[in-house]
Amino acid sequence: ATWPAAIHWRYNHANAPSQFSANKNGAIQQIIAAAAK
């Protein structure tokens, strides 16, 4: 099964661990980097 086009996704920061409370962008960038692989 495949996606017929690009996957467009969004990020929800609710319930993130305290380690990312002041570094939301750090979590987002890690997720983006994982997808880029």
Full PDB file with SEQRES, HELIX, SHEET, SSBOND, CRYST1, ORIGX, SCALE, CONECT and MASTER records, all heavy atoms in Angstrom:
SEQRES   1 A   37  ALA THR TRP PRO ALA ALA ILE HIS TRP ARG TYR ASN HIS          
SEQRES   2 A   37  ALA ASN ALA PRO SER GLN PHE SER ALA ASN LYS ASN GLY          
SEQRES   3 A   37  ALA ILE GLN GLN ILE ILE ALA ALA ALA ALA LYS                  
HELIX    1 AA1 SER A   18  PHE A   20  5                                   3    
HELIX    2 AA2 LYS A   24  ALA A   36  1                                  13    
CRYST1    1.000    1.000    1.000  90.00  90.00  90.00 P 1           1          
ORIGX1      1.000000  0.000000  0.000000        0.00000                         
ORIGX2      0.000000  1.000000  0.000000        0.00000                         
ORIGX3      0.000000  0.000000  1.000000        0.00000                         
SCALE1      1.000000  0.000000  0.000000        0.00000                         
SCALE2      0.000000  1.000000  0.000000        0.00000                         
SCALE3      0.000000  0.000000  1.000000        0.00000                         
ATOM      1  N   ALA A   1       0.864  -1.177   0.000  1.00  0.00           N  
ATOM      2  CA  ALA A   1       0.000   0.000   0.000  1.00  0.00           C  
ATOM      3  C   ALA A   1       0.898   1.223   0.000  1.00  0.00           C  
ATOM      4  O   ALA A   1       1.931   1.237   0.670  1.00  0.00           O  
ATOM      5  CB  ALA A   1      -0.924   0.007   1.211  1.00  0.00           C  
ATOM      6  N   THR A   2       0.514   2.236  -0.751  1.00  0.00           N  
ATOM      7  CA  THR A   2       1.357   3.420  -0.873  1.00  0.00           C  
ATOM      8  C   THR A   2       0.530   4.686  -0.735  1.00  0.00           C  
ATOM      9  O   THR A   2      -0.685   4.685  -0.959  1.00  0.00           O  
ATOM     10  CB  THR A   2       2.066   3.454  -2.245  1.00  0.00           C  
ATOM     11  OG1 THR A   2       1.075   3.416  -3.289  1.00  0.00           O  
ATOM     12  CG2 THR A   2       3.006   2.270  -2.402  1.00  0.00           C  
ATOM     13  N   TRP A   3       1.217   5.760  -0.387  1.00  0.00           N  
ATOM     14  CA  TRP A   3       0.606   7.076  -0.442  1.00  0.00           C  
ATOM     15  C   TRP A   3       0.527   7.512  -1.900  1.00  0.00           C  
ATOM     16  O   TRP A   3       1.495   7.385  -2.642  1.00  0.00           O  
ATOM     17  CB  TRP A   3       1.432   8.076   0.354  1.00  0.00           C  
ATOM     18  CG  TRP A   3       1.308   7.909   1.835  1.00  0.00           C  
ATOM     19  CD1 TRP A   3       2.058   7.112   2.641  1.00  0.00           C  
ATOM     20  CD2 TRP A   3       0.359   8.565   2.676  1.00  0.00           C  
ATOM     21  NE1 TRP A   3       1.633   7.218   3.942  1.00  0.00           N  
ATOM     22  CE2 TRP A   3       0.595   8.105   3.992  1.00  0.00           C  
ATOM     23  CE3 TRP A   3      -0.657   9.485   2.446  1.00  0.00           C  
ATOM     24  CZ2 TRP A   3      -0.166   8.541   5.078  1.00  0.00           C  
ATOM     25  CZ3 TRP A   3      -1.413   9.932   3.531  1.00  0.00           C  
ATOM     26  CH2 TRP A   3      -1.165   9.456   4.825  1.00  0.00           C  
ATOM     27  N   PRO A   4      -0.605   8.056  -2.351  1.00  0.00           N  
ATOM     28  CA  PRO A   4      -0.722   8.478  -3.749  1.00  0.00           C  
ATOM     29  C   PRO A   4      -0.013   9.784  -4.046  1.00  0.00           C  
ATOM     30  O   PRO A   4       0.227  10.126  -5.206  1.00  0.00           O  
ATOM     31  CB  PRO A   4      -2.238   8.621  -3.937  1.00  0.00           C  
ATOM     32  CG  PRO A   4      -2.746   8.976  -2.576  1.00  0.00           C  
ATOM     33  CD  PRO A   4      -1.867   8.212  -1.615  1.00  0.00           C  
ATOM     34  N   ALA A   5       0.332  10.517  -3.011  1.00  0.00           N  
ATOM     35  CA  ALA A   5       1.012  11.806  -3.164  1.00  0.00           C  
ATOM     36  C   ALA A   5       1.843  12.033  -1.899  1.00  0.00           C  
ATOM     37  O   ALA A   5       2.036  11.122  -1.087  1.00  0.00           O  
ATOM     38  CB  ALA A   5      -0.008  12.925  -3.381  1.00  0.00           C  
ATOM     39  N   ALA A   6       2.323  13.238  -1.734  1.00  0.00           N  
ATOM     40  CA  ALA A   6       3.150  13.553  -0.568  1.00  0.00           C  
ATOM     41  C   ALA A   6       2.365  13.394   0.731  1.00  0.00           C  
ATOM     42  O   ALA A   6       1.144  13.604   0.774  1.00  0.00           O  
ATOM     43  CB  ALA A   6       3.686  14.977  -0.684  1.00  0.00           C  
ATOM     44  N   ILE A   7       3.055  13.018   1.802  1.00  0.00           N  
ATOM     45  CA  ILE A   7       2.470  12.974   3.140  1.00  0.00           C  
ATOM     46  C   ILE A   7       2.623  14.363   3.751  1.00  0.00           C  
ATOM     47  O   ILE A   7       3.754  14.832   3.973  1.00  0.00           O  
ATOM     48  CB  ILE A   7       3.173  11.934   4.026  1.00  0.00           C  
ATOM     49  CG1 ILE A   7       3.186  10.564   3.369  1.00  0.00           C  
ATOM     50  CG2 ILE A   7       2.505  11.877   5.403  1.00  0.00           C  
ATOM     51  CD1 ILE A   7       4.012   9.539   4.130  1.00  0.00           C  
ATOM     52  N   HIS A   8       1.529  15.025   4.034  1.00  0.00           N  
ATOM     53  CA  HIS A   8       1.546  16.326   4.699  1.00  0.00           C  
ATOM     54  C   HIS A   8       1.149  16.109   6.162  1.00  0.00           C  
ATOM     55  O   HIS A   8       0.024  15.690   6.446  1.00  0.00           O  
ATOM     56  CB  HIS A   8       0.592  17.301   4.014  1.00  0.00           C  
ATOM     57  CG  HIS A   8       1.092  17.785   2.691  1.00  0.00           C  
ATOM     58  ND1 HIS A   8       1.790  18.961   2.542  1.00  0.00           N  
ATOM     59  CD2 HIS A   8       1.009  17.234   1.452  1.00  0.00           C  
ATOM     60  CE1 HIS A   8       2.123  19.128   1.267  1.00  0.00           C  
ATOM     61  NE2 HIS A   8       1.656  18.083   0.580  1.00  0.00           N  
ATOM     62  N   TRP A   9       2.068  16.384   7.084  1.00  0.00           N  
ATOM     63  CA  TRP A   9       1.812  16.091   8.478  1.00  0.00           C  
ATOM     64  C   TRP A   9       1.983  17.338   9.345  1.00  0.00           C  
ATOM     65  O   TRP A   9       2.660  18.301   8.957  1.00  0.00           O  
ATOM     66  CB  TRP A   9       2.736  14.983   8.981  1.00  0.00           C  
ATOM     67  CG  TRP A   9       4.201  15.371   9.012  1.00  0.00           C  
ATOM     68  CD1 TRP A   9       5.073  15.378   7.969  1.00  0.00           C  
ATOM     69  CD2 TRP A   9       4.934  15.825  10.161  1.00  0.00           C  
ATOM     70  NE1 TRP A   9       6.319  15.796   8.373  1.00  0.00           N  
ATOM     71  CE2 TRP A   9       6.272  16.066   9.717  1.00  0.00           C  
ATOM     72  CE3 TRP A   9       4.633  16.032  11.493  1.00  0.00           C  
ATOM     73  CZ2 TRP A   9       7.278  16.530  10.586  1.00  0.00           C  
ATOM     74  CZ3 TRP A   9       5.631  16.488  12.360  1.00  0.00           C  
ATOM     75  CH2 TRP A   9       6.933  16.721  11.903  1.00  0.00           C  
ATOM     76  N   ARG A  10       1.385  17.292  10.524  1.00  0.00           N  
ATOM     77  CA  ARG A  10       1.505  18.378  11.499  1.00  0.00           C  
ATOM     78  C   ARG A  10       1.952  17.821  12.855  1.00  0.00           C  
ATOM     79  O   ARG A  10       1.815  16.618  13.122  1.00  0.00           O  
ATOM     80  CB  ARG A  10       0.181  19.132  11.635  1.00  0.00           C  
ATOM     81  CG  ARG A  10      -0.202  19.896  10.363  1.00  0.00           C  
ATOM     82  CD  ARG A  10      -1.489  20.688  10.548  1.00  0.00           C  
ATOM     83  NE  ARG A  10      -1.839  21.447   9.353  1.00  0.00           N  
ATOM     84  CZ  ARG A  10      -1.387  22.672   9.081  1.00  0.00           C  
ATOM     85  NH1 ARG A  10      -0.576  23.270   9.947  1.00  0.00           N  
ATOM     86  NH2 ARG A  10      -1.753  23.293   7.979  1.00  0.00           N  
ATOM     87  N   TYR A  11       2.442  18.708  13.672  1.00  0.00           N  
ATOM     88  CA  TYR A  11       2.968  18.326  14.991  1.00  0.00           C  
ATOM     89  C   TYR A  11       2.063  18.869  16.090  1.00  0.00           C  
ATOM     90  O   TYR A  11       1.657  20.035  16.064  1.00  0.00           O  
ATOM     91  CB  TYR A  11       4.380  18.862  15.169  1.00  0.00           C  
ATOM     92  CG  TYR A  11       4.954  18.663  16.567  1.00  0.00           C  
ATOM     93  CD1 TYR A  11       5.331  17.391  17.002  1.00  0.00           C  
ATOM     94  CD2 TYR A  11       5.100  19.739  17.432  1.00  0.00           C  
ATOM     95  CE1 TYR A  11       5.858  17.205  18.276  1.00  0.00           C  
ATOM     96  CE2 TYR A  11       5.630  19.560  18.705  1.00  0.00           C  
ATOM     97  CZ  TYR A  11       6.005  18.293  19.134  1.00  0.00           C  
ATOM     98  OH  TYR A  11       6.523  18.106  20.391  1.00  0.00           O  
ATOM     99  N   ASN A  12       1.755  18.000  17.075  1.00  0.00           N  
ATOM    100  CA  ASN A  12       0.996  18.397  18.260  1.00  0.00           C  
ATOM    101  C   ASN A  12       1.897  18.253  19.476  1.00  0.00           C  
ATOM    102  O   ASN A  12       2.335  17.141  19.800  1.00  0.00           O  
ATOM    103  CB  ASN A  12      -0.260  17.521  18.402  1.00  0.00           C  
ATOM    104  CG  ASN A  12      -1.176  18.005  19.507  1.00  0.00           C  
ATOM    105  OD1 ASN A  12      -0.728  18.462  20.548  1.00  0.00           O  
ATOM    106  ND2 ASN A  12      -2.487  17.902  19.275  1.00  0.00           N  
ATOM    107  N   HIS A  13       2.161  19.364  20.141  1.00  0.00           N  
ATOM    108  CA  HIS A  13       3.121  19.371  21.259  1.00  0.00           C  
ATOM    109  C   HIS A  13       2.480  19.022  22.600  1.00  0.00           C  
ATOM    110  O   HIS A  13       3.176  18.877  23.602  1.00  0.00           O  
ATOM    111  CB  HIS A  13       3.782  20.746  21.355  1.00  0.00           C  
ATOM    112  CG  HIS A  13       5.010  20.771  22.216  1.00  0.00           C  
ATOM    113  ND1 HIS A  13       6.133  20.014  21.942  1.00  0.00           N  
ATOM    114  CD2 HIS A  13       5.284  21.464  23.365  1.00  0.00           C  
ATOM    115  CE1 HIS A  13       7.061  20.243  22.864  1.00  0.00           C  
ATOM    116  NE2 HIS A  13       6.571  21.105  23.742  1.00  0.00           N  
ATOM    117  N   ALA A  14       1.153  18.866  22.642  1.00  0.00           N  
ATOM    118  CA  ALA A  14       0.476  18.553  23.906  1.00  0.00           C  
ATOM    119  C   ALA A  14       1.021  17.257  24.490  1.00  0.00           C  
ATOM    120  O   ALA A  14       1.283  16.290  23.772  1.00  0.00           O  
ATOM    121  CB  ALA A  14      -1.021  18.432  23.668  1.00  0.00           C  
ATOM    122  N   ASN A  15       1.214  17.239  25.805  1.00  0.00           N  
ATOM    123  CA  ASN A  15       1.679  16.082  26.575  1.00  0.00           C  
ATOM    124  C   ASN A  15       3.155  15.769  26.353  1.00  0.00           C  
ATOM    125  O   ASN A  15       3.634  14.693  26.756  1.00  0.00           O  
ATOM    126  CB  ASN A  15       0.856  14.822  26.249  1.00  0.00           C  
ATOM    127  CG  ASN A  15      -0.624  15.012  26.467  1.00  0.00           C  
ATOM    128  OD1 ASN A  15      -1.043  15.520  27.510  1.00  0.00           O  
ATOM    129  ND2 ASN A  15      -1.433  14.615  25.484  1.00  0.00           N  
ATOM    130  N   ALA A  16       3.898  16.675  25.724  1.00  0.00           N  
ATOM    131  CA  ALA A  16       5.335  16.440  25.532  1.00  0.00           C  
ATOM    132  C   ALA A  16       6.034  16.373  26.879  1.00  0.00           C  
ATOM    133  O   ALA A  16       5.616  17.014  27.850  1.00  0.00           O  
ATOM    134  CB  ALA A  16       5.937  17.549  24.679  1.00  0.00           C  
ATOM    135  N   PRO A  17       7.109  15.590  27.001  1.00  0.00           N  
ATOM    136  CA  PRO A  17       7.828  15.497  28.277  1.00  0.00           C  
ATOM    137  C   PRO A  17       8.483  16.826  28.640  1.00  0.00           C  
ATOM    138  O   PRO A  17       8.732  17.677  27.774  1.00  0.00           O  
ATOM    139  CB  PRO A  17       8.873  14.408  28.013  1.00  0.00           C  
ATOM    140  CG  PRO A  17       9.078  14.427  26.536  1.00  0.00           C  
ATOM    141  CD  PRO A  17       7.742  14.778  25.954  1.00  0.00           C  
ATOM    142  N   SER A  18       8.765  16.975  29.912  1.00  0.00           N  
ATOM    143  CA  SER A  18       9.320  18.239  30.405  1.00  0.00           C  
ATOM    144  C   SER A  18      10.646  18.580  29.736  1.00  0.00           C  
ATOM    145  O   SER A  18      11.005  19.749  29.609  1.00  0.00           O  
ATOM    146  CB  SER A  18       9.499  18.165  31.924  1.00  0.00           C  
ATOM    147  OG  SER A  18      10.363  17.081  32.275  1.00  0.00           O  
ATOM    148  N   GLN A  19      11.393  17.571  29.301  1.00  0.00           N  
ATOM    149  CA  GLN A  19      12.687  17.821  28.659  1.00  0.00           C  
ATOM    150  C   GLN A  19      12.541  18.663  27.397  1.00  0.00           C  
ATOM    151  O   GLN A  19      13.503  19.290  26.945  1.00  0.00           O  
ATOM    152  CB  GLN A  19      13.379  16.500  28.317  1.00  0.00           C  
ATOM    153  CG  GLN A  19      13.881  15.727  29.522  1.00  0.00           C  
ATOM    154  CD  GLN A  19      12.809  14.851  30.154  1.00  0.00           C  
ATOM    155  OE1 GLN A  19      11.625  15.007  29.856  1.00  0.00           O  
ATOM    156  NE2 GLN A  19      13.211  13.944  31.015  1.00  0.00           N  
ATOM    157  N   PHE A  20      11.336  18.666  26.794  1.00  0.00           N  
ATOM    158  CA  PHE A  20      11.123  19.445  25.573  1.00  0.00           C  
ATOM    159  C   PHE A  20      10.228  20.656  25.810  1.00  0.00           C  
ATOM    160  O   PHE A  20       9.823  21.330  24.853  1.00  0.00           O  
ATOM    161  CB  PHE A  20      10.521  18.563  24.481  1.00  0.00           C  
ATOM    162  CG  PHE A  20      11.482  17.549  23.934  1.00  0.00           C  
ATOM    163  CD1 PHE A  20      11.374  16.221  24.290  1.00  0.00           C  
ATOM    164  CD2 PHE A  20      12.503  17.925  23.078  1.00  0.00           C  
ATOM    165  CE1 PHE A  20      12.265  15.272  23.794  1.00  0.00           C  
ATOM    166  CE2 PHE A  20      13.401  17.001  22.577  1.00  0.00           C  
ATOM    167  CZ  PHE A  20      13.286  15.667  22.935  1.00  0.00           C  
ATOM    168  N   SER A  21       9.928  20.982  27.078  1.00  0.00           N  
ATOM    169  CA  SER A  21       9.059  22.116  27.361  1.00  0.00           C  
ATOM    170  C   SER A  21       9.620  23.406  26.804  1.00  0.00           C  
ATOM    171  O   SER A  21       8.896  24.251  26.256  1.00  0.00           O  
ATOM    172  CB  SER A  21       8.848  22.245  28.880  1.00  0.00           C  
ATOM    173  OG  SER A  21       8.178  21.117  29.390  1.00  0.00           O  
ATOM    174  N   ALA A  22      10.927  23.579  26.960  1.00  0.00           N  
ATOM    175  CA  ALA A  22      11.577  24.791  26.465  1.00  0.00           C  
ATOM    176  C   ALA A  22      12.283  24.565  25.136  1.00  0.00           C  
ATOM    177  O   ALA A  22      13.014  25.433  24.667  1.00  0.00           O  
ATOM    178  CB  ALA A  22      12.577  25.307  27.507  1.00  0.00           C  
ATOM    179  N   ASN A  23      12.087  23.402  24.545  1.00  0.00           N  
ATOM    180  CA  ASN A  23      12.785  23.081  23.301  1.00  0.00           C  
ATOM    181  C   ASN A  23      11.842  22.363  22.342  1.00  0.00           C  
ATOM    182  O   ASN A  23      12.170  21.311  21.806  1.00  0.00           O  
ATOM    183  CB  ASN A  23      14.017  22.220  23.594  1.00  0.00           C  
ATOM    184  CG  ASN A  23      14.899  22.022  22.370  1.00  0.00           C  
ATOM    185  OD1 ASN A  23      14.878  22.834  21.444  1.00  0.00           O  
ATOM    186  ND2 ASN A  23      15.662  20.949  22.359  1.00  0.00           N  
ATOM    187  N   LYS A  24      10.682  22.966  22.134  1.00  0.00           N  
ATOM    188  CA  LYS A  24       9.717  22.371  21.214  1.00  0.00           C  
ATOM    189  C   LYS A  24      10.302  22.241  19.815  1.00  0.00           C  
ATOM    190  O   LYS A  24      10.112  21.229  19.137  1.00  0.00           O  
ATOM    191  CB  LYS A  24       8.445  23.208  21.186  1.00  0.00           C  
ATOM    192  CG  LYS A  24       7.415  22.708  20.187  1.00  0.00           C  
ATOM    193  CD  LYS A  24       6.077  23.421  20.353  1.00  0.00           C  
ATOM    194  CE  LYS A  24       6.192  24.904  20.119  1.00  0.00           C  
ATOM    195  NZ  LYS A  24       4.861  25.566  20.201  1.00  0.00           N  
ATOM    196  N   ASN A  25      11.024  23.267  19.387  1.00  0.00           N  
ATOM    197  CA  ASN A  25      11.599  23.223  18.049  1.00  0.00           C  
ATOM    198  C   ASN A  25      12.595  22.085  17.894  1.00  0.00           C  
ATOM    199  O   ASN A  25      12.727  21.499  16.814  1.00  0.00           O  
ATOM    200  CB  ASN A  25      12.274  24.550  17.712  1.00  0.00           C  
ATOM    201  CG  ASN A  25      12.672  24.634  16.252  1.00  0.00           C  
ATOM    202  OD1 ASN A  25      11.836  24.555  15.365  1.00  0.00           O  
ATOM    203  ND2 ASN A  25      13.970  24.800  16.003  1.00  0.00           N  
ATOM    204  N   GLY A  26      13.288  21.748  18.991  1.00  0.00           N  
ATOM    205  CA  GLY A  26      14.230  20.627  18.930  1.00  0.00           C  
ATOM    206  C   GLY A  26      13.528  19.319  18.617  1.00  0.00           C  
ATOM    207  O   GLY A  26      14.020  18.501  17.827  1.00  0.00           O  
ATOM    208  N   ALA A  27      12.357  19.095  19.237  1.00  0.00           N  
ATOM    209  CA  ALA A  27      11.591  17.881  18.957  1.00  0.00           C  
ATOM    210  C   ALA A  27      11.112  17.873  17.516  1.00  0.00           C  
ATOM    211  O   ALA A  27      11.205  16.851  16.817  1.00  0.00           O  
ATOM    212  CB  ALA A  27      10.409  17.786  19.916  1.00  0.00           C  
ATOM    213  N   ILE A  28      10.608  19.013  17.044  1.00  0.00           N  
ATOM    214  CA  ILE A  28      10.119  19.090  15.669  1.00  0.00           C  
ATOM    215  C   ILE A  28      11.239  18.799  14.677  1.00  0.00           C  
ATOM    216  O   ILE A  28      11.054  18.045  13.715  1.00  0.00           O  
ATOM    217  CB  ILE A  28       9.504  20.473  15.399  1.00  0.00           C  
ATOM    218  CG1 ILE A  28       8.244  20.669  16.241  1.00  0.00           C  
ATOM    219  CG2 ILE A  28       9.194  20.649  13.909  1.00  0.00           C  
ATOM    220  CD1 ILE A  28       7.678  22.067  16.187  1.00  0.00           C  
ATOM    221  N   GLN A  29      12.404  19.375  14.914  1.00  0.00           N  
ATOM    222  CA  GLN A  29      13.522  19.178  13.988  1.00  0.00           C  
ATOM    223  C   GLN A  29      13.986  17.731  13.961  1.00  0.00           C  
ATOM    224  O   GLN A  29      14.388  17.216  12.912  1.00  0.00           O  
ATOM    225  CB  GLN A  29      14.675  20.116  14.351  1.00  0.00           C  
ATOM    226  CG  GLN A  29      14.377  21.577  14.105  1.00  0.00           C  
ATOM    227  CD  GLN A  29      13.926  21.846  12.669  1.00  0.00           C  
ATOM    228  OE1 GLN A  29      14.539  21.385  11.718  1.00  0.00           O  
ATOM    229  NE2 GLN A  29      12.830  22.585  12.527  1.00  0.00           N  
ATOM    230  N   GLN A  30      13.925  17.040  15.082  1.00  0.00           N  
ATOM    231  CA  GLN A  30      14.292  15.630  15.096  1.00  0.00           C  
ATOM    232  C   GLN A  30      13.300  14.794  14.284  1.00  0.00           C  
ATOM    233  O   GLN A  30      13.688  13.855  13.575  1.00  0.00           O  
ATOM    234  CB  GLN A  30      14.358  15.108  16.532  1.00  0.00           C  
ATOM    235  CG  GLN A  30      15.610  15.496  17.284  1.00  0.00           C  
ATOM    236  CD  GLN A  30      16.856  14.890  16.663  1.00  0.00           C  
ATOM    237  OE1 GLN A  30      16.831  13.794  16.110  1.00  0.00           O  
ATOM    238  NE2 GLN A  30      17.962  15.609  16.737  1.00  0.00           N  
ATOM    239  N   ILE A  31      12.017  15.119  14.371  1.00  0.00           N  
ATOM    240  CA  ILE A  31      11.006  14.387  13.604  1.00  0.00           C  
ATOM    241  C   ILE A  31      11.184  14.651  12.114  1.00  0.00           C  
ATOM    242  O   ILE A  31      11.092  13.739  11.281  1.00  0.00           O  
ATOM    243  CB  ILE A  31       9.597  14.782  14.078  1.00  0.00           C  
ATOM    244  CG1 ILE A  31       9.421  14.438  15.560  1.00  0.00           C  
ATOM    245  CG2 ILE A  31       8.528  14.074  13.242  1.00  0.00           C  
ATOM    246  CD1 ILE A  31       8.191  15.061  16.192  1.00  0.00           C  
ATOM    247  N   ILE A  32      11.453  15.908  11.759  1.00  0.00           N  
ATOM    248  CA  ILE A  32      11.693  16.255  10.355  1.00  0.00           C  
ATOM    249  C   ILE A  32      12.925  15.522   9.834  1.00  0.00           C  
ATOM    250  O   ILE A  32      12.925  14.977   8.724  1.00  0.00           O  
ATOM    251  CB  ILE A  32      11.852  17.778  10.197  1.00  0.00           C  
ATOM    252  CG1 ILE A  32      10.522  18.476  10.482  1.00  0.00           C  
ATOM    253  CG2 ILE A  32      12.360  18.126   8.797  1.00  0.00           C  
ATOM    254  CD1 ILE A  32      10.613  19.989  10.504  1.00  0.00           C  
ATOM    255  N   ALA A  33      13.989  15.490  10.641  1.00  0.00           N  
ATOM    256  CA  ALA A  33      15.228  14.812  10.227  1.00  0.00           C  
ATOM    257  C   ALA A  33      15.008  13.317  10.049  1.00  0.00           C  
ATOM    258  O   ALA A  33      15.577  12.693   9.139  1.00  0.00           O  
ATOM    259  CB  ALA A  33      16.326  15.071  11.253  1.00  0.00           C  
ATOM    260  N   ALA A  34      14.179  12.723  10.905  1.00  0.00           N  
ATOM    261  CA  ALA A  34      13.888  11.291  10.780  1.00  0.00           C  
ATOM    262  C   ALA A  34      13.151  11.010   9.469  1.00  0.00           C  
ATOM    263  O   ALA A  34      13.441  10.032   8.772  1.00  0.00           O  
ATOM    264  CB  ALA A  34      13.058  10.818  11.973  1.00  0.00           C  
ATOM    265  N   ALA A  35      12.201  11.867   9.104  1.00  0.00           N  
ATOM    266  CA  ALA A  35      11.475  11.685   7.849  1.00  0.00           C  
ATOM    267  C   ALA A  35      12.393  11.861   6.645  1.00  0.00           C  
ATOM    268  O   ALA A  35      12.264  11.161   5.633  1.00  0.00           O  
ATOM    269  CB  ALA A  35      10.317  12.677   7.772  1.00  0.00           C  
ATOM    270  N   ALA A  36      13.351  12.786   6.750  1.00  0.00           N  
ATOM    271  CA  ALA A  36      14.249  13.076   5.630  1.00  0.00           C  
ATOM    272  C   ALA A  36      15.137  11.896   5.269  1.00  0.00           C  
ATOM    273  O   ALA A  36      15.613  11.795   4.137  1.00  0.00           O  
ATOM    274  CB  ALA A  36      15.104  14.295   5.961  1.00  0.00           C  
ATOM    275  N   LYS A  37      15.368  10.996   6.213  1.00  0.00           N  
ATOM    276  CA  LYS A  37      16.175   9.812   5.910  1.00  0.00           C  
ATOM    277  C   LYS A  37      15.495   8.966   4.833  1.00  0.00           C  
ATOM    278  O   LYS A  37      16.173   8.347   4.011  1.00  0.00           O  
ATOM    279  CB  LYS A  37      16.386   8.985   7.181  1.00  0.00           C  
ATOM    280  CG  LYS A  37      17.173   9.711   8.262  1.00  0.00           C  
ATOM    281  CD  LYS A  37      17.175   8.945   9.571  1.00  0.00           C  
ATOM    282  CE  LYS A  37      17.860   9.746  10.671  1.00  0.00           C  
ATOM    283  NZ  LYS A  37      17.814   9.060  11.986  1.00  0.00           N  
TER     284      LYS A  37                                                      
MASTER        0    0    0    2    0    0    0    6  283    1    0    3          
END                                                                             
